[in-house]
């Protein structure tokens, strides 16, 4: 956990490689099989793509980028009958805490 302006750019690039470009690379590698079998691509996201958490700016941005690319990939692969899903786990306790804070504001 690092403040956004203190993040080492090399580490930020590695995080984007892992969270954004790796899932796209895997999809590219398997697209012939996915099209032939009308398969499904499942990308694992995070609630931080829409709800920023302090000191995790690069991670938040990488998950937001993955969501955006997943949405585009869904549109592009629809004609080939390949489903593309973005799974966004949202911890129940965090959600309850967040809703509690919001209702107190």
N, C-alpha and C. Protein backbone atom coordinates (compact mmCIF):
# COMPACT_ATOMS: atom_id res chain seq x y z
N UNK A 1 0.85 -1.17 0.00
CA UNK A 1 0.00 0.00 0.00
C UNK A 1 0.90 1.23 0.00
N UNK A 2 0.78 1.98 -1.06
CA UNK A 2 1.61 3.16 -1.25
C UNK A 2 0.77 4.31 -1.76
N UNK A 3 1.00 5.50 -1.25
CA UNK A 3 0.30 6.66 -1.84
C UNK A 3 0.60 6.74 -3.33
N UNK A 4 -0.38 7.17 -4.08
CA UNK A 4 -0.27 7.19 -5.54
C UNK A 4 0.96 7.94 -6.03
N UNK A 5 1.24 9.10 -5.46
CA UNK A 5 2.36 9.90 -5.94
C UNK A 5 3.71 9.37 -5.48
N UNK A 6 3.72 8.43 -4.55
CA UNK A 6 4.97 7.82 -4.11
C UNK A 6 5.25 6.48 -4.79
N UNK A 7 4.33 6.01 -5.61
CA UNK A 7 4.46 4.70 -6.26
C UNK A 7 5.62 4.71 -7.25
N UNK A 8 6.44 3.69 -7.17
CA UNK A 8 7.50 3.48 -8.14
C UNK A 8 6.85 3.08 -9.47
N UNK A 9 7.18 3.77 -10.55
CA UNK A 9 6.53 3.51 -11.84
C UNK A 9 6.81 2.11 -12.37
N UNK A 10 7.96 1.56 -12.05
CA UNK A 10 8.26 0.19 -12.46
C UNK A 10 7.31 -0.80 -11.80
N UNK A 11 7.05 -0.60 -10.51
CA UNK A 11 6.09 -1.47 -9.80
C UNK A 11 4.68 -1.27 -10.35
N UNK A 12 4.35 -0.02 -10.69
CA UNK A 12 3.01 0.25 -11.25
C UNK A 12 2.84 -0.49 -12.57
N UNK A 13 3.87 -0.47 -13.41
CA UNK A 13 3.80 -1.18 -14.69
C UNK A 13 3.64 -2.69 -14.49
N UNK A 14 4.35 -3.23 -13.50
CA UNK A 14 4.23 -4.67 -13.21
C UNK A 14 2.82 -5.02 -12.74
N UNK A 15 2.23 -4.13 -11.95
CA UNK A 15 0.87 -4.37 -11.48
C UNK A 15 -0.12 -4.35 -12.64
N UNK A 16 0.06 -3.39 -13.58
CA UNK A 16 -0.81 -3.35 -14.76
C UNK A 16 -0.57 -4.57 -15.64
N UNK A 17 0.68 -5.01 -15.75
CA UNK A 17 0.95 -6.23 -16.52
C UNK A 17 0.18 -7.41 -15.94
N UNK A 18 0.18 -7.52 -14.62
CA UNK A 18 -0.48 -8.64 -13.95
C UNK A 18 -2.00 -8.54 -14.03
N UNK A 19 -2.56 -7.38 -13.71
CA UNK A 19 -4.01 -7.25 -13.58
C UNK A 19 -4.74 -6.89 -14.87
N UNK A 20 -4.03 -6.37 -15.86
CA UNK A 20 -4.70 -5.93 -17.09
C UNK A 20 -4.23 -6.73 -18.30
N UNK A 21 -2.94 -6.73 -18.54
CA UNK A 21 -2.43 -7.33 -19.77
C UNK A 21 -2.35 -8.86 -19.71
N UNK A 22 -2.11 -9.43 -18.54
CA UNK A 22 -2.07 -10.90 -18.44
C UNK A 22 -3.41 -11.53 -18.79
N UNK A 23 -4.55 -11.04 -18.25
CA UNK A 23 -5.83 -11.65 -18.64
C UNK A 23 -6.12 -11.52 -20.14
N UNK A 24 -5.72 -10.41 -20.73
CA UNK A 24 -5.94 -10.23 -22.17
C UNK A 24 -5.03 -11.19 -22.95
N UNK A 25 -3.81 -11.37 -22.48
CA UNK A 25 -2.89 -12.30 -23.15
C UNK A 25 -3.42 -13.74 -23.10
N UNK A 26 -3.97 -14.12 -21.98
CA UNK A 26 -4.54 -15.47 -21.85
C UNK A 26 -5.73 -15.62 -22.80
N UNK A 27 -6.58 -14.60 -22.86
CA UNK A 27 -7.72 -14.66 -23.78
C UNK A 27 -7.25 -14.79 -25.22
N UNK A 28 -6.22 -14.02 -25.59
CA UNK A 28 -5.69 -14.11 -26.96
C UNK A 28 -5.16 -15.52 -27.26
N UNK A 29 -4.51 -16.12 -26.28
CA UNK A 29 -3.93 -17.45 -26.49
C UNK A 29 -5.00 -18.52 -26.71
N UNK A 30 -6.15 -18.36 -26.05
CA UNK A 30 -7.18 -19.39 -26.10
C UNK A 30 -8.37 -19.04 -26.99
N UNK A 31 -8.32 -17.91 -27.69
CA UNK A 31 -9.50 -17.48 -28.45
C UNK A 31 -9.93 -18.48 -29.52
N UNK A 32 -9.04 -19.17 -30.22
CA UNK A 32 -9.53 -20.16 -31.19
C UNK A 32 -10.38 -21.26 -30.52
N UNK A 33 -9.94 -21.75 -29.37
CA UNK A 33 -10.70 -22.77 -28.66
C UNK A 33 -12.01 -22.21 -28.11
N UNK A 34 -11.96 -20.99 -27.60
CA UNK A 34 -13.16 -20.36 -27.05
C UNK A 34 -14.23 -20.18 -28.12
N UNK A 35 -13.82 -19.74 -29.31
CA UNK A 35 -14.77 -19.54 -30.40
C UNK A 35 -15.33 -20.89 -30.86
N UNK A 36 -14.45 -21.87 -31.01
CA UNK A 36 -14.88 -23.19 -31.49
C UNK A 36 -15.87 -23.85 -30.53
N UNK A 37 -15.71 -23.60 -29.24
CA UNK A 37 -16.55 -24.26 -28.24
C UNK A 37 -17.57 -23.34 -27.58
N UNK A 38 -17.69 -22.12 -28.13
CA UNK A 38 -18.61 -21.13 -27.54
C UNK A 38 -18.38 -21.01 -26.03
N UNK A 39 -17.12 -20.78 -25.69
CA UNK A 39 -16.70 -20.75 -24.29
C UNK A 39 -16.98 -19.44 -23.59
N UNK A 40 -16.44 -19.33 -22.40
CA UNK A 40 -16.63 -18.16 -21.55
C UNK A 40 -15.29 -17.71 -20.99
N UNK A 41 -15.05 -16.41 -21.04
CA UNK A 41 -13.89 -15.80 -20.41
C UNK A 41 -14.37 -15.18 -19.11
N UNK A 42 -13.69 -15.49 -18.02
CA UNK A 42 -14.06 -14.94 -16.72
C UNK A 42 -12.87 -14.16 -16.18
N UNK A 43 -13.05 -12.86 -15.99
CA UNK A 43 -12.02 -12.01 -15.40
C UNK A 43 -12.42 -11.67 -13.97
N UNK A 44 -11.47 -11.78 -13.07
CA UNK A 44 -11.72 -11.50 -11.66
C UNK A 44 -11.35 -10.05 -11.36
N UNK A 45 -12.35 -9.31 -10.91
CA UNK A 45 -12.13 -7.91 -10.61
C UNK A 45 -12.12 -7.64 -9.13
N UNK A 46 -12.49 -6.45 -8.77
CA UNK A 46 -12.53 -6.04 -7.38
C UNK A 46 -13.49 -4.88 -7.23
N UNK A 47 -14.03 -4.73 -6.03
CA UNK A 47 -14.93 -3.61 -5.79
C UNK A 47 -14.22 -2.27 -5.88
N UNK A 48 -12.89 -2.26 -5.80
CA UNK A 48 -12.15 -0.99 -5.84
C UNK A 48 -12.14 -0.37 -7.23
N UNK A 49 -12.66 -1.07 -8.24
CA UNK A 49 -12.70 -0.45 -9.57
C UNK A 49 -13.69 0.72 -9.60
N UNK A 50 -14.65 0.72 -8.70
CA UNK A 50 -15.63 1.81 -8.64
C UNK A 50 -15.64 2.52 -7.29
N UNK A 51 -14.97 1.95 -6.30
CA UNK A 51 -14.95 2.51 -4.96
C UNK A 51 -13.48 2.63 -4.53
N UNK A 52 -12.84 3.75 -4.86
CA UNK A 52 -11.40 3.89 -4.58
C UNK A 52 -11.07 3.74 -3.10
N UNK A 53 -9.94 3.11 -2.86
CA UNK A 53 -9.42 2.94 -1.51
C UNK A 53 -8.10 3.71 -1.44
N UNK A 54 -7.94 4.56 -0.44
CA UNK A 54 -6.69 5.34 -0.34
C UNK A 54 -5.45 4.46 -0.30
N UNK A 55 -4.38 4.96 -0.84
CA UNK A 55 -3.07 4.31 -0.89
C UNK A 55 -3.06 3.06 -1.76
N UNK A 56 -4.06 2.89 -2.60
CA UNK A 56 -4.09 1.77 -3.54
C UNK A 56 -4.45 2.26 -4.94
N UNK A 57 -4.06 3.48 -5.26
CA UNK A 57 -4.48 4.10 -6.52
C UNK A 57 -4.14 3.30 -7.76
N UNK A 58 -2.94 2.76 -7.83
CA UNK A 58 -2.54 2.00 -9.03
C UNK A 58 -3.32 0.70 -9.12
N UNK A 59 -3.50 0.02 -7.99
CA UNK A 59 -4.30 -1.20 -7.97
C UNK A 59 -5.74 -0.89 -8.39
N UNK A 60 -6.32 0.17 -7.82
CA UNK A 60 -7.68 0.58 -8.17
C UNK A 60 -7.78 0.84 -9.68
N UNK A 61 -6.81 1.56 -10.21
CA UNK A 61 -6.82 1.89 -11.64
C UNK A 61 -6.68 0.64 -12.50
N UNK A 62 -5.86 -0.31 -12.04
CA UNK A 62 -5.68 -1.53 -12.84
C UNK A 62 -6.97 -2.35 -12.89
N UNK A 63 -7.71 -2.39 -11.79
CA UNK A 63 -8.97 -3.13 -11.79
C UNK A 63 -10.04 -2.39 -12.61
N UNK A 64 -10.02 -1.06 -12.58
CA UNK A 64 -10.94 -0.30 -13.42
C UNK A 64 -10.62 -0.53 -14.90
N UNK A 65 -9.33 -0.59 -15.22
CA UNK A 65 -8.94 -0.86 -16.61
C UNK A 65 -9.38 -2.25 -17.04
N UNK A 66 -9.23 -3.23 -16.14
CA UNK A 66 -9.66 -4.59 -16.47
C UNK A 66 -11.17 -4.63 -16.72
N UNK A 67 -11.93 -3.92 -15.90
CA UNK A 67 -13.38 -3.89 -16.11
C UNK A 67 -13.71 -3.29 -17.49
N UNK A 68 -13.06 -2.20 -17.83
CA UNK A 68 -13.31 -1.55 -19.11
C UNK A 68 -12.94 -2.46 -20.28
N UNK A 69 -11.78 -3.09 -20.20
CA UNK A 69 -11.37 -4.01 -21.27
C UNK A 69 -12.30 -5.22 -21.35
N UNK A 70 -12.77 -5.70 -20.21
CA UNK A 70 -13.71 -6.82 -20.20
C UNK A 70 -15.00 -6.44 -20.90
N UNK A 71 -15.50 -5.23 -20.62
CA UNK A 71 -16.72 -4.75 -21.28
C UNK A 71 -16.53 -4.67 -22.79
N UNK A 72 -15.38 -4.17 -23.23
CA UNK A 72 -15.11 -4.09 -24.67
C UNK A 72 -14.97 -5.47 -25.29
N UNK A 73 -14.28 -6.35 -24.60
CA UNK A 73 -14.11 -7.71 -25.11
C UNK A 73 -15.45 -8.42 -25.23
N UNK A 74 -16.35 -8.17 -24.28
CA UNK A 74 -17.70 -8.76 -24.34
C UNK A 74 -18.40 -8.34 -25.63
N UNK A 75 -18.31 -7.07 -25.97
CA UNK A 75 -18.95 -6.58 -27.20
C UNK A 75 -18.30 -7.16 -28.45
N UNK A 76 -16.98 -7.25 -28.43
CA UNK A 76 -16.25 -7.73 -29.61
C UNK A 76 -16.44 -9.23 -29.85
N UNK A 77 -16.63 -10.00 -28.77
CA UNK A 77 -16.76 -11.45 -28.93
C UNK A 77 -18.19 -11.93 -29.00
N UNK A 78 -19.14 -11.04 -28.78
CA UNK A 78 -20.56 -11.43 -28.85
C UNK A 78 -20.91 -12.08 -30.20
N UNK A 79 -20.44 -11.54 -31.33
CA UNK A 79 -20.79 -12.18 -32.62
C UNK A 79 -20.26 -13.61 -32.76
N UNK A 80 -19.27 -13.96 -31.94
CA UNK A 80 -18.69 -15.30 -32.00
C UNK A 80 -19.27 -16.23 -30.93
N UNK A 81 -20.31 -15.76 -30.23
CA UNK A 81 -20.96 -16.55 -29.17
C UNK A 81 -20.02 -16.92 -28.03
N UNK A 82 -19.07 -16.03 -27.74
CA UNK A 82 -18.19 -16.21 -26.59
C UNK A 82 -18.64 -15.22 -25.52
N UNK A 83 -18.95 -15.74 -24.34
CA UNK A 83 -19.36 -14.88 -23.24
C UNK A 83 -18.11 -14.35 -22.52
N UNK A 84 -18.22 -13.13 -22.03
CA UNK A 84 -17.14 -12.53 -21.26
C UNK A 84 -17.76 -11.96 -19.99
N UNK A 85 -17.24 -12.43 -18.84
CA UNK A 85 -17.84 -12.10 -17.55
C UNK A 85 -16.79 -11.43 -16.66
N UNK A 86 -17.24 -10.42 -15.94
CA UNK A 86 -16.39 -9.75 -14.94
C UNK A 86 -16.97 -10.07 -13.57
N UNK A 87 -16.23 -10.84 -12.78
CA UNK A 87 -16.68 -11.20 -11.44
C UNK A 87 -16.06 -10.22 -10.46
N UNK A 88 -16.93 -9.59 -9.69
CA UNK A 88 -16.48 -8.57 -8.77
C UNK A 88 -16.89 -8.93 -7.35
N UNK A 89 -16.02 -9.64 -6.62
CA UNK A 89 -16.35 -9.96 -5.25
C UNK A 89 -16.41 -8.70 -4.40
N UNK A 90 -17.36 -8.64 -3.53
CA UNK A 90 -17.52 -7.48 -2.65
C UNK A 90 -17.69 -8.00 -1.24
N UNK A 91 -16.68 -7.85 -0.41
CA UNK A 91 -16.77 -8.41 0.94
C UNK A 91 -17.99 -7.90 1.69
N UNK A 92 -18.75 -8.83 2.24
CA UNK A 92 -19.99 -8.48 2.91
C UNK A 92 -19.75 -7.53 4.08
N UNK A 93 -18.76 -7.83 4.89
CA UNK A 93 -18.52 -6.98 6.06
C UNK A 93 -18.10 -5.57 5.66
N UNK A 94 -17.27 -5.47 4.64
CA UNK A 94 -16.87 -4.15 4.18
C UNK A 94 -18.08 -3.38 3.67
N UNK A 95 -18.94 -4.08 2.94
CA UNK A 95 -20.14 -3.45 2.41
C UNK A 95 -21.02 -2.92 3.55
N UNK A 96 -21.20 -3.72 4.58
CA UNK A 96 -22.00 -3.29 5.72
C UNK A 96 -21.39 -2.08 6.40
N UNK A 97 -20.07 -2.11 6.58
CA UNK A 97 -19.38 -0.99 7.20
C UNK A 97 -19.53 0.26 6.34
N UNK A 98 -19.33 0.11 5.03
CA UNK A 98 -19.44 1.24 4.12
C UNK A 98 -20.85 1.84 4.16
N UNK A 99 -21.86 0.99 4.11
CA UNK A 99 -23.24 1.49 4.16
C UNK A 99 -23.53 2.15 5.49
N UNK A 100 -22.97 1.64 6.57
CA UNK A 100 -23.14 2.25 7.88
C UNK A 100 -22.55 3.67 7.90
N UNK A 101 -21.35 3.81 7.35
CA UNK A 101 -20.68 5.12 7.30
C UNK A 101 -21.48 6.09 6.44
N UNK A 102 -21.92 5.64 5.28
CA UNK A 102 -22.68 6.50 4.36
C UNK A 102 -23.97 6.99 5.01
N UNK A 103 -24.66 6.12 5.71
CA UNK A 103 -25.93 6.51 6.32
C UNK A 103 -25.72 7.48 7.47
N UNK A 104 -24.52 7.54 8.02
CA UNK A 104 -24.23 8.45 9.13
C UNK A 104 -23.80 9.83 8.64
N UNK A 105 -23.52 9.97 7.38
CA UNK A 105 -23.06 11.26 6.84
C UNK A 105 -24.20 12.23 6.65
